[in-house]
Amino acid sequence: MINTNNRAYKIIQVVSSADTIENAINLAIASLGSMVRYLAWYKIVETRGRICDNEEPLHVVLDIGLSHRIQ
């Protein structure tokens, strides 16, 4: 019998820039989701801001987990 609850994850690190943390997260997930399947979760690794005018003020570094079923 195969246990369908067994999973392993590949982690991809993504950096996204936007005006808010929420927008940066959504942009990163949408961008990666258009290229790969099985996005399972994310973790915010780092946030940082720029002290300049006319530039995206926030950078968010995310680890995004891709799900793999183990048979």
PDB file of N, CA and C in Angstrom:
ATOM      1  N   MET A   1       0.832  -1.178   0.000  1.00  0.00           N
ATOM      2  CA  MET A   1       0.000   0.000   0.000  1.00  0.00           C
ATOM      3  C   MET A   1       0.884   1.251   0.000  1.00  0.00           C
ATOM      4  N   ILE A   2       0.519   2.223  -0.791  1.00  0.00           N
ATOM      5  CA  ILE A   2       1.265   3.477  -0.872  1.00  0.00           C
ATOM      6  C   ILE A   2       0.687   4.468   0.129  1.00  0.00           C
ATOM      7  N   ASN A   3       1.546   5.069   0.939  1.00  0.00           N
ATOM      8  CA  ASN A   3       1.122   6.102   1.881  1.00  0.00           C
ATOM      9  C   ASN A   3       1.155   7.438   1.150  1.00  0.00           C
ATOM     10  N   THR A   4      -0.003   8.020   0.898  1.00  0.00           N
ATOM     11  CA  THR A   4      -0.075   9.269   0.130  1.00  0.00           C
ATOM     12  C   THR A   4       0.273  10.496   0.966  1.00  0.00           C
ATOM     13  N   ASN A   5       0.544  10.322   2.258  1.00  0.00           N
ATOM     14  CA  ASN A   5       0.917  11.451   3.110  1.00  0.00           C
ATOM     15  C   ASN A   5       2.415  11.717   3.110  1.00  0.00           C
ATOM     16  N   ASN A   6       3.209  10.805   2.579  1.00  0.00           N
ATOM     17  CA  ASN A   6       4.659  10.995   2.554  1.00  0.00           C
ATOM     18  C   ASN A   6       5.021  11.989   1.463  1.00  0.00           C
ATOM     19  N   ARG A   7       5.702  13.035   1.853  1.00  0.00           N
ATOM     20  CA  ARG A   7       6.094  14.061   0.891  1.00  0.00           C
ATOM     21  C   ARG A   7       7.511  14.530   1.176  1.00  0.00           C
ATOM     22  N   ALA A   8       8.169  14.972   0.141  1.00  0.00           N
ATOM     23  CA  ALA A   8       9.454  15.648   0.243  1.00  0.00           C
ATOM     24  C   ALA A   8       9.290  16.984  -0.479  1.00  0.00           C
ATOM     25  N   TYR A   9      10.138  17.928  -0.159  1.00  0.00           N
ATOM     26  CA  TYR A   9      10.012  19.261  -0.737  1.00  0.00           C
ATOM     27  C   TYR A   9      11.339  19.739  -1.302  1.00  0.00           C
ATOM     28  N   LYS A  10      11.275  20.360  -2.456  1.00  0.00           N
ATOM     29  CA  LYS A  10      12.414  21.075  -3.025  1.00  0.00           C
ATOM     30  C   LYS A  10      12.192  22.537  -2.670  1.00  0.00           C
ATOM     31  N   ILE A  11      13.238  23.232  -2.259  1.00  0.00           N
ATOM     32  CA  ILE A  11      13.114  24.636  -1.872  1.00  0.00           C
ATOM     33  C   ILE A  11      13.803  25.510  -2.912  1.00  0.00           C
ATOM     34  N   ILE A  12      13.066  26.505  -3.389  1.00  0.00           N
ATOM     35  CA  ILE A  12      13.598  27.495  -4.326  1.00  0.00           C
ATOM     36  C   ILE A  12      13.571  28.848  -3.620  1.00  0.00           C
ATOM     37  N   GLN A  13      14.666  29.589  -3.694  1.00  0.00           N
ATOM     38  CA  GLN A  13      14.707  30.906  -3.068  1.00  0.00           C
ATOM     39  C   GLN A  13      14.424  31.971  -4.131  1.00  0.00           C
ATOM     40  N   VAL A  14      13.519  32.898  -3.792  1.00  0.00           N
ATOM     41  CA  VAL A  14      13.067  33.939  -4.709  1.00  0.00           C
ATOM     42  C   VAL A  14      13.162  35.284  -4.000  1.00  0.00           C
ATOM     43  N   VAL A  15      13.578  36.313  -4.727  1.00  0.00           N
ATOM     44  CA  VAL A  15      13.585  37.684  -4.212  1.00  0.00           C
ATOM     45  C   VAL A  15      12.581  38.480  -5.027  1.00  0.00           C
ATOM     46  N   SER A  16      11.716  39.210  -4.328  1.00  0.00           N
ATOM     47  CA  SER A  16      10.679  39.997  -4.996  1.00  0.00           C
ATOM     48  C   SER A  16      10.696  41.419  -4.449  1.00  0.00           C
ATOM     49  N   SER A  17      10.352  42.381  -5.284  1.00  0.00           N
ATOM     50  CA  SER A  17      10.299  43.789  -4.879  1.00  0.00           C
ATOM     51  C   SER A  17       8.906  44.336  -5.120  1.00  0.00           C
ATOM     52  N   ALA A  18       8.400  45.105  -4.165  1.00  0.00           N
ATOM     53  CA  ALA A  18       7.092  45.734  -4.311  1.00  0.00           C
ATOM     54  C   ALA A  18       6.954  46.834  -3.265  1.00  0.00           C
ATOM     55  N   ASP A  19       5.791  47.479  -3.280  1.00  0.00           N
ATOM     56  CA  ASP A  19       5.559  48.575  -2.343  1.00  0.00           C
ATOM     57  C   ASP A  19       5.156  48.095  -0.946  1.00  0.00           C
ATOM     58  N   THR A  20       4.669  46.851  -0.824  1.00  0.00           N
ATOM     59  CA  THR A  20       4.332  46.281   0.477  1.00  0.00           C
ATOM     60  C   THR A  20       4.855  44.848   0.539  1.00  0.00           C
ATOM     61  N   ILE A  21       4.996  44.331   1.748  1.00  0.00           N
ATOM     62  CA  ILE A  21       5.440  42.950   1.915  1.00  0.00           C
ATOM     63  C   ILE A  21       4.424  41.994   1.291  1.00  0.00           C
ATOM     64  N   GLU A  22       3.147  42.241   1.536  1.00  0.00           N
ATOM     65  CA  GLU A  22       2.096  41.377   0.979  1.00  0.00           C
ATOM     66  C   GLU A  22       2.154  41.341  -0.545  1.00  0.00           C
ATOM     67  N   ASN A  23       2.336  42.503  -1.179  1.00  0.00           N
ATOM     68  CA  ASN A  23       2.430  42.549  -2.644  1.00  0.00           C
ATOM     69  C   ASN A  23       3.673  41.819  -3.152  1.00  0.00           C
ATOM     70  N   ALA A  24       4.783  41.944  -2.427  1.00  0.00           N
ATOM     71  CA  ALA A  24       6.009  41.250  -2.831  1.00  0.00           C
ATOM     72  C   ALA A  24       5.829  39.737  -2.743  1.00  0.00           C
ATOM     73  N   ILE A  25       5.173  39.264  -1.682  1.00  0.00           N
ATOM     74  CA  ILE A  25       4.907  37.826  -1.541  1.00  0.00           C
ATOM     75  C   ILE A  25       4.016  37.345  -2.678  1.00  0.00           C
ATOM     76  N   ASN A  26       2.911  38.063  -2.923  1.00  0.00           N
ATOM     77  CA  ASN A  26       1.984  37.673  -3.996  1.00  0.00           C
ATOM     78  C   ASN A  26       2.658  37.673  -5.357  1.00  0.00           C
ATOM     79  N   LEU A  27       3.498  38.654  -5.618  1.00  0.00           N
ATOM     80  CA  LEU A  27       4.218  38.729  -6.889  1.00  0.00           C
ATOM     81  C   LEU A  27       5.171  37.549  -7.043  1.00  0.00           C
ATOM     82  N   ALA A  28       5.905  37.219  -5.996  1.00  0.00           N
ATOM     83  CA  ALA A  28       6.843  36.097  -6.056  1.00  0.00           C
ATOM     84  C   ALA A  28       6.111  34.780  -6.320  1.00  0.00           C
ATOM     85  N   ILE A  29       5.012  34.558  -5.602  1.00  0.00           N
ATOM     86  CA  ILE A  29       4.255  33.314  -5.772  1.00  0.00           C
ATOM     87  C   ILE A  29       3.637  33.239  -7.165  1.00  0.00           C
ATOM     88  N   ALA A  30       3.074  34.341  -7.638  1.00  0.00           N
ATOM     89  CA  ALA A  30       2.471  34.348  -8.976  1.00  0.00           C
ATOM     90  C   ALA A  30       3.525  34.138 -10.060  1.00  0.00           C
ATOM     91  N   SER A  31       4.666  34.787  -9.916  1.00  0.00           N
ATOM     92  CA  SER A  31       5.724  34.650 -10.925  1.00  0.00           C
ATOM     93  C   SER A  31       6.262  33.229 -10.969  1.00  0.00           C
ATOM     94  N   LEU A  32       6.568  32.656  -9.809  1.00  0.00           N
ATOM     95  CA  LEU A  32       7.090  31.297  -9.772  1.00  0.00           C
ATOM     96  C   LEU A  32       6.014  30.297 -10.177  1.00  0.00           C
ATOM     97  N   GLY A  33       4.767  30.543  -9.768  1.00  0.00           N
ATOM     98  CA  GLY A  33       3.669  29.651 -10.103  1.00  0.00           C
ATOM     99  C   GLY A  33       3.401  29.559 -11.594  1.00  0.00           C
ATOM    100  N   SER A  34       3.779  30.589 -12.352  1.00  0.00           N
ATOM    101  CA  SER A  34       3.593  30.540 -13.801  1.00  0.00           C
ATOM    102  C   SER A  34       4.679  29.707 -14.486  1.00  0.00           C
ATOM    103  N   MET A  35       5.761  29.378 -13.742  1.00  0.00           N
ATOM    104  CA  MET A  35       6.866  28.608 -14.319  1.00  0.00           C
ATOM    105  C   MET A  35       6.935  27.173 -13.814  1.00  0.00           C
ATOM    106  N   VAL A  36       6.513  26.936 -12.571  1.00  0.00           N
ATOM    107  CA  VAL A  36       6.605  25.589 -11.996  1.00  0.00           C
ATOM    108  C   VAL A  36       5.288  25.232 -11.321  1.00  0.00           C
ATOM    109  N   ARG A  37       5.091  23.912 -11.083  1.00  0.00           N
ATOM    110  CA  ARG A  37       3.868  23.445 -10.438  1.00  0.00           C
ATOM    111  C   ARG A  37       4.165  22.990  -9.016  1.00  0.00           C
ATOM    112  N   TYR A  38       3.113  22.677  -8.308  1.00  0.00           N
ATOM    113  CA  TYR A  38       3.176  22.080  -6.985  1.00  0.00           C
ATOM    114  C   TYR A  38       3.762  22.995  -5.909  1.00  0.00           C
ATOM    115  N   LEU A  39       3.488  24.299  -5.997  1.00  0.00           N
ATOM    116  CA  LEU A  39       3.890  25.186  -4.911  1.00  0.00           C
ATOM    117  C   LEU A  39       3.116  24.777  -3.667  1.00  0.00           C
ATOM    118  N   ALA A  40       3.815  24.585  -2.555  1.00  0.00           N
ATOM    119  CA  ALA A  40       3.168  24.069  -1.359  1.00  0.00           C
ATOM    120  C   ALA A  40       3.154  25.076  -0.205  1.00  0.00           C
ATOM    121  N   TRP A  41       4.222  25.804   0.007  1.00  0.00           N
ATOM    122  CA  TRP A  41       4.317  26.714   1.143  1.00  0.00           C
ATOM    123  C   TRP A  41       5.424  27.738   0.873  1.00  0.00           C
ATOM    124  N   TYR A  42       5.485  28.752   1.718  1.00  0.00           N
ATOM    125  CA  TYR A  42       6.585  29.715   1.634  1.00  0.00           C
ATOM    126  C   TYR A  42       7.017  30.117   3.034  1.00  0.00           C
ATOM    127  N   LYS A  43       8.247  30.598   3.122  1.00  0.00           N
ATOM    128  CA  LYS A  43       8.796  31.117   4.368  1.00  0.00           C
ATOM    129  C   LYS A  43       9.501  32.423   4.039  1.00  0.00           C
ATOM    130  N   ILE A  44       9.222  33.466   4.798  1.00  0.00           N
ATOM    131  CA  ILE A  44       9.928  34.731   4.619  1.00  0.00           C
ATOM    132  C   ILE A  44      11.292  34.592   5.281  1.00  0.00           C
ATOM    133  N   VAL A  45      12.341  34.709   4.483  1.00  0.00           N
ATOM    134  CA  VAL A  45      13.700  34.562   4.975  1.00  0.00           C
ATOM    135  C   VAL A  45      14.262  35.909   5.402  1.00  0.00           C
ATOM    136  N   GLU A  46      13.948  36.935   4.625  1.00  0.00           N
ATOM    137  CA  GLU A  46      14.535  38.251   4.880  1.00  0.00           C
ATOM    138  C   GLU A  46      13.658  39.324   4.255  1.00  0.00           C
ATOM    139  N   THR A  47      13.590  40.455   4.899  1.00  0.00           N
ATOM    140  CA  THR A  47      12.981  41.645   4.291  1.00  0.00           C
ATOM    141  C   THR A  47      13.982  42.778   4.426  1.00  0.00           C
ATOM    142  N   ARG A  48      13.994  43.625   3.432  1.00  0.00           N
ATOM    143  CA  ARG A  48      14.874  44.792   3.496  1.00  0.00           C
ATOM    144  C   ARG A  48      14.257  45.911   2.685  1.00  0.00           C
ATOM    145  N   GLY A  49      14.617  47.116   3.022  1.00  0.00           N
ATOM    146  CA  GLY A  49      14.082  48.273   2.320  1.00  0.00           C
ATOM    147  C   GLY A  49      15.194  49.147   1.782  1.00  0.00           C
ATOM    148  N   ARG A  50      14.834  49.953   0.829  1.00  0.00           N
ATOM    149  CA  ARG A  50      15.781  50.902   0.247  1.00  0.00           C
ATOM    150  C   ARG A  50      15.454  52.290   0.763  1.00  0.00           C
ATOM    151  N   ILE A  51      16.468  53.090   0.902  1.00  0.00           N
ATOM    152  CA  ILE A  51      16.270  54.468   1.354  1.00  0.00           C
ATOM    153  C   ILE A  51      16.563  55.385   0.166  1.00  0.00           C
ATOM    154  N   CYS A  52      15.674  55.305  -0.830  1.00  0.00           N
ATOM    155  CA  CYS A  52      15.817  56.098  -2.054  1.00  0.00           C
ATOM    156  C   CYS A  52      14.429  56.429  -2.578  1.00  0.00           C
ATOM    157  N   ASP A  53      14.309  57.530  -3.255  1.00  0.00           N
ATOM    158  CA  ASP A  53      13.064  57.854  -3.939  1.00  0.00           C
ATOM    159  C   ASP A  53      13.053  57.182  -5.304  1.00  0.00           C
ATOM    160  N   ASN A  54      11.861  56.984  -5.825  1.00  0.00           N
ATOM    161  CA  ASN A  54      11.650  56.445  -7.168  1.00  0.00           C
ATOM    162  C   ASN A  54      12.144  55.012  -7.349  1.00  0.00           C
ATOM    163  N   GLU A  55      12.226  54.233  -6.283  1.00  0.00           N
ATOM    164  CA  GLU A  55      12.602  52.834  -6.393  1.00  0.00           C
ATOM    165  C   GLU A  55      11.665  52.010  -5.531  1.00  0.00           C
ATOM    166  N   GLU A  56      11.510  50.733  -5.871  1.00  0.00           N
ATOM    167  CA  GLU A  56      10.693  49.850  -5.054  1.00  0.00           C
ATOM    168  C   GLU A  56      11.276  49.823  -3.650  1.00  0.00           C
ATOM    169  N   PRO A  57      10.482  50.138  -2.643  1.00  0.00           N
ATOM    170  CA  PRO A  57      11.040  50.301  -1.306  1.00  0.00           C
ATOM    171  C   PRO A  57      11.311  49.004  -0.544  1.00  0.00           C
ATOM    172  N   LEU A  58      10.689  47.895  -0.921  1.00  0.00           N
ATOM    173  CA  LEU A  58      10.847  46.662  -0.156  1.00  0.00           C
ATOM    174  C   LEU A  58      11.343  45.512  -1.021  1.00  0.00           C
ATOM    175  N   HIS A  59      12.221  44.715  -0.450  1.00  0.00           N
ATOM    176  CA  HIS A  59      12.684  43.481  -1.078  1.00  0.00           C
ATOM    177  C   HIS A  59      12.391  42.369  -0.083  1.00  0.00           C
ATOM    178  N   VAL A  60      11.749  41.318  -0.542  1.00  0.00           N
ATOM    179  CA  VAL A  60      11.405  40.185   0.303  1.00  0.00           C
ATOM    180  C   VAL A  60      12.066  38.938  -0.277  1.00  0.00           C
ATOM    181  N   VAL A  61      12.820  38.229   0.567  1.00  0.00           N
ATOM    182  CA  VAL A  61      13.446  36.973   0.169  1.00  0.00           C
ATOM    183  C   VAL A  61      12.580  35.847   0.726  1.00  0.00           C
ATOM    184  N   LEU A  62      12.140  34.952  -0.166  1.00  0.00           N
ATOM    185  CA  LEU A  62      11.271  33.847   0.223  1.00  0.00           C
ATOM    186  C   LEU A  62      11.916  32.515  -0.123  1.00  0.00           C
ATOM    187  N   ASP A  63      11.757  31.538   0.764  1.00  0.00           N
ATOM    188  CA  ASP A  63      11.985  30.139   0.417  1.00  0.00           C
ATOM    189  C   ASP A  63      10.618  29.584   0.066  1.00  0.00           C
ATOM    190  N   ILE A  64      10.479  29.028  -1.131  1.00  0.00           N
ATOM    191  CA  ILE A  64       9.207  28.452  -1.557  1.00  0.00           C
ATOM    192  C   ILE A  64       9.394  26.953  -1.737  1.00  0.00           C
ATOM    193  N   GLY A  65       8.542  26.180  -1.066  1.00  0.00           N
ATOM    194  CA  GLY A  65       8.630  24.725  -1.117  1.00  0.00           C
ATOM    195  C   GLY A  65       7.770  24.158  -2.227  1.00  0.00           C
ATOM    196  N   LEU A  66       8.361  23.271  -3.022  1.00  0.00           N
ATOM    197  CA  LEU A  66       7.647  22.551  -4.072  1.00  0.00           C
ATOM    198  C   LEU A  66       7.434  21.121  -3.591  1.00  0.00           C
ATOM    199  N   SER A  67       6.227  20.651  -3.664  1.00  0.00           N
ATOM    200  CA  SER A  67       5.860  19.348  -3.122  1.00  0.00           C
ATOM    201  C   SER A  67       6.181  18.214  -4.091  1.00  0.00           C
ATOM    202  N   HIS A  68       6.747  17.135  -3.555  1.00  0.00           N
ATOM    203  CA  HIS A  68       7.003  15.899  -4.299  1.00  0.00           C
ATOM    204  C   HIS A  68       6.431  14.759  -3.478  1.00  0.00           C
ATOM    205  N   ARG A  69       5.583  13.950  -4.053  1.00  0.00           N
ATOM    206  CA  ARG A  69       5.031  12.797  -3.345  1.00  0.00           C
ATOM    207  C   ARG A  69       6.028  11.639  -3.402  1.00  0.00           C
ATOM    208  N   ILE A  70       6.294  11.036  -2.253  1.00  0.00           N
ATOM    209  CA  ILE A  70       7.183   9.884  -2.176  1.00  0.00           C
ATOM    210  C   ILE A  70       6.332   8.625  -2.201  1.00  0.00           C
ATOM    211  N   GLN A  71       6.668   7.704  -3.101  1.00  0.00           N
ATOM    212  CA  GLN A  71       5.885   6.464  -3.212  1.00  0.00           C
ATOM    213  C   GLN A  71       6.577   5.322  -2.506  1.00  0.00           C
TER     214      GLN A  71
END
